[in-house]
Amino acid sequence: MRTMNLQTVSFLTVVVLVTVLFFWLLVPFYGALLWAVILAILFNPLQNWLVRVLGGRTNLAAGLSVLACICIVMIPGAFILASLAQEATSLYNQIATRTFDPAQMADRFRGALPEFLRDLLPPFSLDGFRQIEARLASMLGQASQVVAASALSIGQGTAQLFISLGVMIYVLFFLFRDGTGLAQRIREASPLSPRHTDDLLGKFSDVMKATVKGNVIIAVIQGAIGGVAFWMLGIEAALLWGVLMAMLSLVPAVGAFLIWGPAALYLLATGQYLKGTILLCIGLFVISLIDNLLRPPLVGKGTRLPDYVVLVSTLGGLSLFGMNGFVVGPLIAALFVAVWSLFAQDQGRAGQP
């Protein structure tokens, strides 16, 4: 009996140790693997349909599904990133060549304010703005030196990016082809009961779909509307601001307001009342309304989490995991709620006569 217990404990120790070591090996590519799993879940209906149409040829169906992911997600994303880099470079060059005057902008802002607000503000010092401008130029010069000195590391980062992309595409193919069998093996090997395993796997899939589809749809819509509005109003770097609004829209409650709000305030304060009013109306009655209408049914309903939990978990995920955190944060929160709900149900059953 003691030998059996010792063997069982030793084997479980080896299982845990090897599992931890394996996941430690995957840490450098956790982002690529995460998005491979996300794309496999999102495009699983397409994969199943292709398998039926192609008469069960899973290899061909998986290849076509990967090609669809590349055409629908990766290629448009690459074009957007290239355009974004071009606009960011142009904006950086304008700042570096001092084509704007902070003192003049401040004077315009102050002159457009009503007298009672103007009296409340301290007087602007031209010398102070010149010092800010000189300090900004110094910071830009230091930044350019850092970029020049880090050219090799940038190249290595680019190589790492392509390696991660290759890993994601490679793993995605096998997830499409063998995903059903892999999910079944996970169920069979799980130390949890079948009910608990199915509940947790179902929650994992639901949260992935709701978080990614909901947040991405909201981000694309808000970013597109905001970018087009900026472009129509003649605001420079409209694509850059649109992408920033899309990224910030991943954060519930505040989101894109951090971009269009100050922009509308600046337009109104500098006497561009028509443009400022148009942008304010678009922000309040279109961009914000989209967030309030679409986020609860697309994100909250799928994750079954209160809005404040979604907000806190998203912010925590973004701070810990970067851009992947808008998926990882709500996923951890949803699994936390699911595990404790199952525990409470089991405790309730155990307490019944």
Protein backbone atom coordinates (compact mmCIF):
# COMPACT_ATOMS: atom_id res chain seq x y z
CA MET A 1 0.00 0.00 0.00
CA ARG A 2 2.82 2.34 0.91
CA THR A 3 4.66 1.36 -2.29
CA MET A 4 1.53 2.09 -4.34
CA ASN A 5 1.08 5.48 -2.72
CA LEU A 6 4.76 6.32 -3.21
CA GLN A 7 4.58 5.33 -6.88
CA THR A 8 1.42 7.38 -7.40
CA VAL A 9 2.84 10.47 -5.72
CA SER A 10 6.11 10.10 -7.64
CA PHE A 11 4.31 9.75 -10.95
CA LEU A 12 2.08 12.75 -10.27
CA THR A 13 5.16 14.76 -9.33
CA VAL A 14 6.81 13.82 -12.62
CA VAL A 15 3.63 14.73 -14.53
CA VAL A 16 3.44 18.15 -12.89
CA LEU A 17 7.17 18.81 -13.33
CA VAL A 18 7.22 17.83 -17.00
CA THR A 19 4.05 19.86 -17.67
CA VAL A 20 5.54 22.97 -16.05
CA LEU A 21 8.77 22.55 -18.03
CA PHE A 22 6.82 22.12 -21.27
CA PHE A 23 4.79 25.28 -20.72
CA TRP A 24 8.00 27.08 -19.77
CA LEU A 25 9.36 26.16 -23.22
CA LEU A 26 6.25 27.64 -24.83
CA VAL A 27 6.47 31.00 -23.02
CA PRO A 28 8.52 32.74 -25.78
CA PHE A 29 5.76 31.92 -28.28
CA TYR A 30 2.73 32.20 -26.03
CA GLY A 31 1.32 35.06 -28.15
CA ALA A 32 1.63 33.08 -31.38
CA LEU A 33 0.07 30.00 -29.79
CA LEU A 34 -2.70 32.04 -28.19
CA TRP A 35 -3.72 33.60 -31.50
CA ALA A 36 -3.45 30.25 -33.26
CA VAL A 37 -5.98 28.86 -30.77
CA ILE A 38 -8.18 31.97 -31.13
CA LEU A 39 -8.22 31.79 -34.94
CA ALA A 40 -8.87 28.05 -34.82
CA ILE A 41 -11.90 28.61 -32.59
CA LEU A 42 -13.24 31.53 -34.63
CA PHE A 43 -12.81 29.83 -38.01
CA ASN A 44 -13.88 26.38 -36.81
CA PRO A 45 -17.31 26.65 -38.53
CA LEU A 46 -15.52 27.33 -41.83
CA GLN A 47 -13.24 24.33 -41.28
CA ASN A 48 -16.21 22.04 -40.55
CA TRP A 49 -18.03 23.28 -43.65
CA LEU A 50 -14.97 22.73 -45.85
CA VAL A 51 -14.54 19.20 -44.48
CA ARG A 52 -18.13 18.39 -45.44
CA VAL A 53 -17.85 19.99 -48.89
CA LEU A 54 -14.51 18.32 -49.66
CA GLY A 55 -15.68 14.87 -48.63
CA GLY A 56 -13.68 14.53 -45.43
CA ARG A 57 -10.29 15.64 -46.80
CA THR A 58 -9.11 17.33 -43.63
CA ASN A 59 -5.66 18.29 -44.91
CA LEU A 60 -7.05 20.25 -47.86
CA ALA A 61 -9.76 21.81 -45.69
CA ALA A 62 -7.18 22.87 -43.08
CA GLY A 63 -4.98 24.41 -45.78
CA LEU A 64 -7.88 26.39 -47.20
CA SER A 65 -8.90 27.53 -43.71
CA VAL A 66 -5.37 28.77 -43.03
CA LEU A 67 -5.41 30.57 -46.39
CA ALA A 68 -8.70 32.21 -45.43
CA CYS A 69 -7.18 33.39 -42.13
CA ILE A 70 -4.22 34.85 -44.00
CA CYS A 71 -6.42 36.68 -46.52
CA ILE A 72 -9.04 37.91 -44.05
CA VAL A 73 -6.88 38.75 -41.03
CA MET A 74 -3.14 38.86 -41.73
CA ILE A 75 -2.86 40.59 -45.10
CA PRO A 76 -5.27 43.46 -44.23
CA GLY A 77 -3.50 43.81 -40.89
CA ALA A 78 -0.13 44.08 -42.64
CA PHE A 79 -1.42 46.80 -44.98
CA ILE A 80 -2.86 48.76 -42.05
CA LEU A 81 0.40 48.47 -40.12
CA ALA A 82 2.41 49.64 -43.14
CA SER A 83 0.16 52.67 -43.63
CA LEU A 84 0.25 53.35 -39.91
CA ALA A 85 4.05 53.28 -39.88
CA GLN A 86 4.12 55.71 -42.80
CA GLU A 87 1.79 58.17 -41.07
CA ALA A 88 3.66 57.84 -37.78
CA THR A 89 6.94 58.58 -39.57
CA SER A 90 5.42 61.63 -41.26
CA LEU A 91 4.09 62.92 -37.94
CA TYR A 92 7.45 62.33 -36.29
CA ASN A 93 9.21 64.29 -39.06
CA GLN A 94 6.82 67.20 -38.56
CA ILE A 95 7.57 67.22 -34.85
CA ALA A 96 11.32 66.89 -35.41
CA THR A 97 11.39 69.78 -37.90
CA ARG A 98 9.33 71.96 -35.54
CA THR A 99 6.63 72.73 -38.07
CA PHE A 100 4.34 73.57 -35.17
CA ASP A 101 4.79 76.23 -32.50
CA PRO A 102 3.56 75.27 -29.01
CA ALA A 103 3.43 78.91 -27.91
CA GLN A 104 1.31 79.87 -30.90
CA MET A 105 -1.06 76.95 -30.32
CA ALA A 106 -1.40 77.94 -26.65
CA ASP A 107 -2.08 81.56 -27.59
CA ARG A 108 -4.79 80.48 -30.04
CA PHE A 109 -6.33 78.23 -27.40
CA ARG A 110 -6.28 81.00 -24.78
CA GLY A 111 -7.59 83.64 -27.18
CA ALA A 112 -10.58 81.48 -28.13
CA LEU A 113 -11.69 81.02 -24.52
CA PRO A 114 -14.31 83.28 -22.92
CA GLU A 115 -12.94 86.06 -20.74
CA PHE A 116 -14.06 84.53 -17.44
CA LEU A 117 -12.20 81.29 -18.26
CA ARG A 118 -9.23 83.21 -19.59
CA ASP A 119 -8.93 85.07 -16.28
CA LEU A 120 -8.97 81.81 -14.34
CA LEU A 121 -5.98 80.45 -16.24
CA PRO A 122 -2.44 81.55 -15.37
CA PRO A 123 -0.70 83.66 -18.01
CA PHE A 124 1.25 81.68 -20.58
CA SER A 125 4.96 82.38 -20.60
CA LEU A 126 6.59 82.41 -24.01
CA ASP A 127 9.94 81.54 -22.44
CA GLY A 128 8.34 78.58 -20.73
CA PHE A 129 7.04 77.24 -24.00
CA ARG A 130 10.43 77.80 -25.61
CA GLN A 131 11.96 75.71 -22.83
CA ILE A 132 9.37 72.99 -23.41
CA GLU A 133 10.09 73.10 -27.13
CA ALA A 134 13.86 72.88 -26.53
CA ARG A 135 13.37 69.99 -24.13
CA LEU A 136 11.10 68.22 -26.62
CA ALA A 137 13.71 68.65 -29.36
CA SER A 138 16.38 67.24 -27.03
CA MET A 139 14.18 64.25 -26.23
CA LEU A 140 13.56 63.63 -29.93
CA GLY A 141 17.29 63.80 -30.59
CA GLN A 142 17.98 61.28 -27.86
CA ALA A 143 15.21 59.05 -29.20
CA SER A 144 16.74 59.12 -32.69
CA GLN A 145 20.12 58.13 -31.22
CA VAL A 146 18.53 55.25 -29.34
CA VAL A 147 16.81 54.07 -32.52
CA ALA A 148 20.07 54.26 -34.46
CA ALA A 149 21.98 52.40 -31.75
CA SER A 150 19.27 49.73 -31.53
CA ALA A 151 19.12 48.89 -35.23
CA LEU A 152 20.46 45.40 -34.60
CA SER A 153 17.92 44.70 -31.87
CA ILE A 154 15.15 46.00 -34.12
CA GLY A 155 16.29 43.56 -36.79
CA GLN A 156 16.29 40.75 -34.26
CA GLY A 157 12.81 41.79 -33.17
CA THR A 158 11.67 41.67 -36.79
CA ALA A 159 13.14 38.19 -37.15
CA GLN A 160 11.37 37.13 -33.96
CA LEU A 161 8.13 38.53 -35.37
CA PHE A 162 8.41 36.45 -38.53
CA ILE A 163 9.34 33.35 -36.52
CA SER A 164 6.30 33.83 -34.30
CA LEU A 165 4.11 34.34 -37.38
CA GLY A 166 5.46 31.13 -38.90
CA VAL A 167 4.85 29.24 -35.66
CA MET A 168 1.29 30.57 -35.50
CA ILE A 169 0.47 29.53 -39.08
CA TYR A 170 2.09 26.10 -38.64
CA VAL A 171 0.25 25.38 -35.39
CA LEU A 172 -2.98 26.77 -36.82
CA PHE A 173 -2.92 24.21 -39.64
CA PHE A 174 -2.71 21.30 -37.21
CA LEU A 175 -5.34 22.80 -34.93
CA PHE A 176 -7.71 22.94 -37.89
CA ARG A 177 -6.86 19.41 -38.95
CA ASP A 178 -6.66 17.69 -35.56
CA GLY A 179 -8.60 20.08 -33.33
CA THR A 180 -11.56 17.77 -32.70
CA GLY A 181 -9.37 14.83 -31.76
CA LEU A 182 -7.15 17.03 -29.61
CA ALA A 183 -10.15 18.35 -27.67
CA GLN A 184 -11.34 14.78 -27.12
CA ARG A 185 -7.93 13.68 -25.81
CA ILE A 186 -7.90 16.66 -23.43
CA ARG A 187 -11.28 15.57 -22.09
CA GLU A 188 -10.06 11.98 -21.62
CA ALA A 189 -6.78 12.99 -19.96
CA SER A 190 -8.28 15.64 -17.69
CA PRO A 191 -8.08 14.76 -13.99
CA LEU A 192 -11.38 16.59 -13.48
CA SER A 193 -14.77 14.98 -13.78
CA PRO A 194 -16.34 14.92 -17.27
CA ARG A 195 -18.92 17.54 -16.21
CA HIS A 196 -16.28 19.91 -14.88
CA THR A 197 -14.05 19.40 -17.92
CA ASP A 198 -16.87 20.05 -20.38
CA ASP A 199 -18.01 23.13 -18.47
CA LEU A 200 -14.52 24.64 -18.34
CA LEU A 201 -13.72 23.85 -21.99
CA GLY A 202 -17.06 25.31 -23.03
CA LYS A 203 -16.42 28.43 -20.96
CA PHE A 204 -12.95 28.76 -22.52
CA SER A 205 -14.39 28.58 -26.04
CA ASP A 206 -17.29 30.96 -25.28
CA VAL A 207 -15.04 33.58 -23.71
CA MET A 208 -12.58 33.40 -26.59
CA LYS A 209 -15.33 33.91 -29.15
CA ALA A 210 -17.13 36.64 -27.24
CA THR A 211 -14.04 38.59 -26.25
CA VAL A 212 -12.28 38.50 -29.60
CA LYS A 213 -15.27 38.85 -31.89
CA GLY A 214 -16.99 41.43 -29.71
CA ASN A 215 -13.95 43.57 -28.98
CA VAL A 216 -12.58 43.36 -32.50
CA ILE A 217 -15.93 44.25 -34.09
CA ILE A 218 -16.37 47.21 -31.73
CA ALA A 219 -12.76 48.34 -32.23
CA VAL A 220 -12.97 48.17 -36.03
CA ILE A 221 -16.28 50.05 -36.16
CA GLN A 222 -15.20 52.78 -33.72
CA GLY A 223 -11.77 53.17 -35.26
CA ALA A 224 -13.18 53.33 -38.79
CA ILE A 225 -15.83 55.91 -37.87
CA GLY A 226 -13.35 57.99 -35.90
CA GLY A 227 -10.68 57.84 -38.60
CA VAL A 228 -13.13 58.81 -41.36
CA ALA A 229 -14.46 61.66 -39.22
CA PHE A 230 -10.94 62.97 -38.61
CA TRP A 231 -10.15 62.68 -42.34
CA MET A 232 -13.33 64.52 -43.38
CA LEU A 233 -12.63 67.29 -40.85
CA GLY A 234 -9.10 67.74 -42.20
CA ILE A 235 -7.26 66.53 -39.11
CA GLU A 236 -3.78 65.27 -39.96
CA ALA A 237 -2.76 61.61 -39.48
CA ALA A 238 -6.39 60.46 -39.55
CA LEU A 239 -5.38 56.81 -39.99
CA LEU A 240 -3.05 57.00 -37.01
CA TRP A 241 -5.76 58.49 -34.78
CA GLY A 242 -8.29 55.97 -36.08
CA VAL A 243 -6.02 53.05 -35.19
CA LEU A 244 -5.38 54.57 -31.76
CA MET A 245 -9.13 54.88 -31.21
CA ALA A 246 -9.57 51.26 -32.25
CA MET A 247 -6.87 50.14 -29.80
CA LEU A 248 -8.22 52.25 -26.95
CA SER A 249 -11.75 51.00 -27.59
CA LEU A 250 -10.56 47.65 -26.23
CA VAL A 251 -10.73 49.33 -22.81
CA PRO A 252 -14.38 49.53 -21.71
CA ALA A 253 -15.98 52.71 -20.35
CA VAL A 254 -13.38 55.24 -21.60
CA GLY A 255 -11.90 53.86 -24.81
CA ALA A 256 -11.93 56.02 -27.91
CA PHE A 257 -13.07 59.10 -25.97
CA LEU A 258 -9.44 59.65 -24.98
CA ILE A 259 -8.75 60.58 -28.62
CA TRP A 260 -11.86 62.25 -30.01
CA GLY A 261 -12.72 64.10 -26.77
CA PRO A 262 -9.56 66.25 -26.58
CA ALA A 263 -9.65 66.72 -30.36
CA ALA A 264 -13.21 68.07 -30.24
CA LEU A 265 -12.33 70.31 -27.28
CA TYR A 266 -9.32 71.73 -29.13
CA LEU A 267 -11.37 72.45 -32.25
CA LEU A 268 -14.03 74.25 -30.21
CA ALA A 269 -11.49 76.19 -28.16
CA THR A 270 -9.59 77.37 -31.25
CA GLY A 271 -12.70 78.80 -32.90
CA GLN A 272 -13.43 75.90 -35.29
CA TYR A 273 -16.95 75.59 -33.95
CA LEU A 274 -18.50 73.71 -36.85
CA LYS A 275 -15.76 71.06 -36.97
CA GLY A 276 -15.70 70.76 -33.19
CA THR A 277 -19.48 70.39 -32.99
CA ILE A 278 -19.52 67.77 -35.75
CA LEU A 279 -16.77 65.74 -34.06
CA LEU A 280 -18.48 66.07 -30.68
CA CYS A 281 -21.79 64.85 -32.11
CA ILE A 282 -20.12 61.92 -33.88
CA GLY A 283 -18.28 60.99 -30.69
CA LEU A 284 -21.30 61.24 -28.40
CA PHE A 285 -24.08 59.90 -30.60
CA VAL A 286 -22.24 57.45 -32.85
CA ILE A 287 -18.95 56.19 -31.39
CA SER A 288 -20.08 56.08 -27.75
CA LEU A 289 -23.52 54.76 -28.68
CA ILE A 290 -21.92 51.88 -30.61
CA ASP A 291 -19.88 50.96 -27.53
CA ASN A 292 -22.91 51.11 -25.22
CA LEU A 293 -25.14 49.13 -27.57
CA LEU A 294 -22.77 46.46 -28.88
CA ARG A 295 -20.46 45.70 -25.95
CA PRO A 296 -23.07 44.21 -23.55
CA PRO A 297 -24.55 41.72 -26.06
CA LEU A 298 -21.27 40.87 -27.82
CA VAL A 299 -18.85 40.73 -24.88
CA GLY A 300 -20.79 40.69 -21.64
CA LYS A 301 -23.37 38.12 -22.79
CA GLY A 302 -20.76 35.67 -24.07
CA THR A 303 -18.51 35.97 -21.03
CA ARG A 304 -21.45 36.27 -18.61
CA LEU A 305 -19.45 38.73 -16.56
CA PRO A 306 -20.61 42.04 -15.06
CA ASP A 307 -19.38 45.16 -16.84
CA TYR A 308 -17.12 46.18 -13.95
CA VAL A 309 -15.45 42.75 -13.94
CA VAL A 310 -14.86 43.00 -17.70
CA LEU A 311 -13.36 46.48 -17.24
CA VAL A 312 -11.03 45.53 -14.36
CA SER A 313 -9.94 42.22 -15.93
CA THR A 314 -9.28 43.90 -19.29
CA LEU A 315 -7.17 46.65 -17.72
CA GLY A 316 -5.29 44.12 -15.61
CA GLY A 317 -4.69 41.89 -18.62
CA LEU A 318 -3.42 44.78 -20.73
CA SER A 319 -1.01 45.87 -17.97
CA LEU A 320 0.37 42.35 -17.48
CA PHE A 321 0.27 40.80 -20.96
CA GLY A 322 0.27 43.76 -23.34
CA MET A 323 -2.16 43.69 -26.27
CA ASN A 324 -2.88 39.99 -25.68
CA GLY A 325 -4.28 40.98 -22.30
CA PHE A 326 -7.63 42.08 -23.71
CA VAL A 327 -8.23 38.34 -24.30
CA VAL A 328 -6.25 36.82 -21.43
CA GLY A 329 -7.69 39.12 -18.73
CA PRO A 330 -11.41 38.40 -19.29
CA LEU A 331 -10.55 34.73 -19.92
CA ILE A 332 -8.92 34.38 -16.50
CA ALA A 333 -11.80 36.24 -14.87
CA ALA A 334 -14.41 34.05 -16.61
CA LEU A 335 -12.59 30.84 -15.66
CA PHE A 336 -12.31 32.12 -12.07
CA VAL A 337 -16.06 32.67 -11.93
CA ALA A 338 -16.76 29.32 -13.63
CA VAL A 339 -14.52 27.33 -11.28
CA TRP A 340 -16.03 28.88 -8.15
CA SER A 341 -19.55 28.41 -9.53
CA LEU A 342 -18.85 24.70 -10.07
CA PHE A 343 -17.36 24.47 -6.58
CA ALA A 344 -20.43 26.12 -5.06
CA GLN A 345 -22.72 23.76 -6.99
CA ASP A 346 -20.78 20.72 -5.76
CA GLN A 347 -20.88 22.01 -2.20
CA GLY A 348 -24.62 22.54 -2.53
CA ARG A 349 -25.13 18.99 -3.78
CA ALA A 350 -22.96 17.59 -1.00
CA GLY A 351 -25.03 19.42 1.61
CA GLN A 352 -28.31 17.98 0.34
CA PRO A 353 -29.68 14.85 2.13
